[in-house]
Amino acid sequence: MIDLDDIWTDIREDRRFMKTRFNSLYLREIGGLLDRRGFIETKLHLWDNTSRDDLRPQASILISIISRLERDKGVRKNNGTGGYILKELSVLKSLK
C-alpha cells in the first residue's frame, strides 16, 4: 500500500521545494510524462531541462522528488500514482 502521507511529508519538508515557484502547466506535463513513460524517461527529460535557465529550478527539484517517489514500492509499480503526485504539487505547496 502507498503511504501518501509519508511521501507528502517528505516532499514538504524539503526547503528547495518550498522555495521553488512551479508552473502548473509544467507540472502537468511532467506528471503526464511520468504516467506514460515511467521514471527513467521522465528523469532524462528533466535532466535535459536543467540546461534551460527558465526550467532549471523546477527540473532540479522534480528530479529529487521523483527519486523520493521511486523509493516507494507502490508508486514504483504504478506510474499513474507518481504522475498524480507531481500534478498536485502546486496544491500541496499551497497547504500550510
Protein backbone atom coordinates (compact mmCIF):
# COMPACT_ATOMS: atom_id res chain seq x y z
CA MET A 1 0.00 0.00 0.00
CA ILE A 2 1.18 3.51 -0.80
CA ASP A 3 1.60 5.79 2.20
CA LEU A 4 0.87 9.15 0.59
CA ASP A 5 1.05 10.94 3.92
CA ASP A 6 4.72 9.99 4.36
CA ILE A 7 5.50 10.96 0.77
CA TRP A 8 3.75 14.35 1.09
CA THR A 9 5.55 15.00 4.39
CA ASP A 10 8.97 14.19 2.92
CA ILE A 11 8.35 16.47 -0.05
CA ARG A 12 7.01 19.36 2.05
CA GLU A 13 9.99 19.20 4.41
CA ASP A 14 12.40 19.86 1.53
CA ARG A 15 13.24 23.57 1.69
CA ARG A 16 14.11 23.64 -2.01
CA PHE A 17 10.57 22.50 -2.79
CA MET A 18 9.05 25.26 -0.69
CA LYS A 19 11.30 27.92 -2.29
CA THR A 20 10.67 26.86 -5.90
CA ARG A 21 7.95 28.52 -7.96
CA PHE A 22 6.21 25.91 -10.05
CA ASN A 23 4.34 26.37 -13.29
CA SER A 24 1.18 24.25 -13.10
CA LEU A 25 1.31 23.51 -16.84
CA TYR A 26 4.87 22.24 -16.48
CA LEU A 27 3.86 20.05 -13.52
CA ARG A 28 1.00 18.58 -15.57
CA GLU A 29 3.38 17.94 -18.48
CA ILE A 30 5.93 16.19 -16.28
CA GLY A 31 3.26 14.28 -14.36
CA GLY A 32 1.77 13.06 -17.65
CA LEU A 33 5.20 12.06 -18.89
CA LEU A 34 5.83 10.04 -15.74
CA ASP A 35 2.43 8.40 -16.09
CA ARG A 36 3.04 7.43 -19.74
CA ARG A 37 6.79 6.80 -19.91
CA GLY A 38 7.96 5.96 -16.41
CA PHE A 39 10.63 7.16 -14.04
CA ILE A 40 13.74 6.79 -16.17
CA GLU A 41 12.46 8.67 -19.23
CA THR A 42 11.00 11.39 -17.05
CA LYS A 43 14.30 11.90 -15.23
CA LEU A 44 16.16 12.04 -18.56
CA HIS A 45 13.72 14.68 -19.78
CA LEU A 46 14.19 16.69 -16.58
CA TRP A 47 17.98 16.42 -16.73
CA ASP A 48 17.76 17.83 -20.24
CA ASN A 49 15.56 20.66 -18.93
CA THR A 50 18.19 21.66 -16.37
CA SER A 51 20.15 23.18 -19.24
CA ARG A 52 17.38 25.76 -19.67
CA ASP A 53 17.59 28.73 -17.33
CA ASP A 54 13.80 29.09 -17.14
CA LEU A 55 13.22 25.44 -16.16
CA ARG A 56 16.34 24.64 -14.13
CA PRO A 57 14.91 25.31 -10.64
CA GLN A 58 11.75 23.31 -11.29
CA ALA A 59 13.52 20.46 -13.08
CA SER A 60 16.17 20.09 -10.37
CA ILE A 61 13.69 19.72 -7.52
CA LEU A 62 11.44 17.45 -9.59
CA ILE A 63 14.37 15.08 -10.12
CA SER A 64 14.78 14.96 -6.35
CA ILE A 65 11.05 14.38 -5.81
CA ILE A 66 10.97 11.59 -8.40
CA SER A 67 13.90 9.93 -6.64
CA ARG A 68 11.85 10.04 -3.44
CA LEU A 69 8.83 8.55 -5.23
CA GLU A 70 10.96 5.72 -6.61
CA ARG A 71 11.80 4.59 -3.07
CA ASP A 72 8.14 3.68 -2.51
CA LYS A 73 7.34 0.22 -3.92
CA GLY A 74 3.69 1.06 -4.54
CA VAL A 75 4.49 4.19 -6.53
CA ARG A 76 7.23 2.38 -8.43
CA LYS A 77 4.69 -0.24 -9.53
CA ASN A 78 2.12 2.33 -10.64
CA ASN A 79 3.40 5.26 -12.69
CA GLY A 80 -0.05 6.84 -12.55
CA THR A 81 0.29 7.47 -8.83
CA GLY A 82 3.64 9.18 -9.31
CA GLY A 83 2.19 11.26 -12.14
CA TYR A 84 -0.75 12.28 -9.97
CA ILE A 85 1.55 13.36 -7.14
CA LEU A 86 3.61 15.54 -9.50
CA LYS A 87 0.50 17.11 -10.99
CA GLU A 88 -0.76 18.00 -7.50
CA LEU A 89 2.47 19.54 -6.17
CA SER A 90 1.15 23.09 -6.52
CA VAL A 91 -1.85 22.15 -4.36
CA LEU A 92 0.42 20.52 -1.78
CA LYS A 93 2.60 23.59 -1.67
CA SER A 94 -0.38 25.86 -1.02
CA LEU A 95 -1.41 23.83 2.05
CA LYS A 96 0.22 25.20 5.16
